[in-house]
């Protein structure tokens, strides 16, 4: 257990520093040293590099299933997640839904499976089911940003703007922060024609990430709409300096 915990802490440290290759190499090494450790295998399945070898990816899930047993929930979740991100999602969709519902039947508090179930509904175009499932997840974990962000995004897709804005206001009052949440808040202000509030958000985003060309361009365009041409020109000049060609 100590070896695992130390390894996972080191992996998290690499992740924070953006050293993804080091994370992947470390976890590959740990999987070989600790072949019966499910948390290490699950953490390895979070690495994008592992999906370059689908046979290896599937083998990790099979290993978890062997260790956990047929009735285990972790292999079901990981299998559903792997199928969810693959190109053959449409063919696997019924199996994904079945696996996640089995998890929720066994444990109604399984928020990871509930959120993935909502995302699967959303990807399949079943927006009404997606929204209702996200809502149930949010009711159970009202401050969880991993649930708040996709819930608001789905509500916008469903054109349920009032409910989405209510969630955003509550998150702001509770001082919950996530970059994606700020982008959704930006959409809300733009939809309501609140250009000053939208401008403030873009300026804060640009302060935190000065080299973000997309944010810089969006802010410049908004300044033009506000007839603030001098400020817009400065932003466009900054973009030109960053990429002269």
Foldseek 3Di string as FASTA:
>chain_A
DVVVVVLVVVLVVCVVVVNLVVNLVSLVVVCVVCVLDLVSLVVNLVRPVCVVDVVSLVVSLVSNCVNQDPLDLPSLLSVLVSCCPDPVVVVCLVVSLVSLVSNCVVPVLPLSSLLSNLVSCVVVVVLVVSLVSLVVSCVSPVQDPVSLLVNLVSCVVVVVLVVSVVSLVVCVVVVPDDLSSLVSVLVSCVVVVVLVVNLVSLVVVCVVPVPPLVSLQVNLVSCVVVVVNVVSVVSVVVVCVVPVD
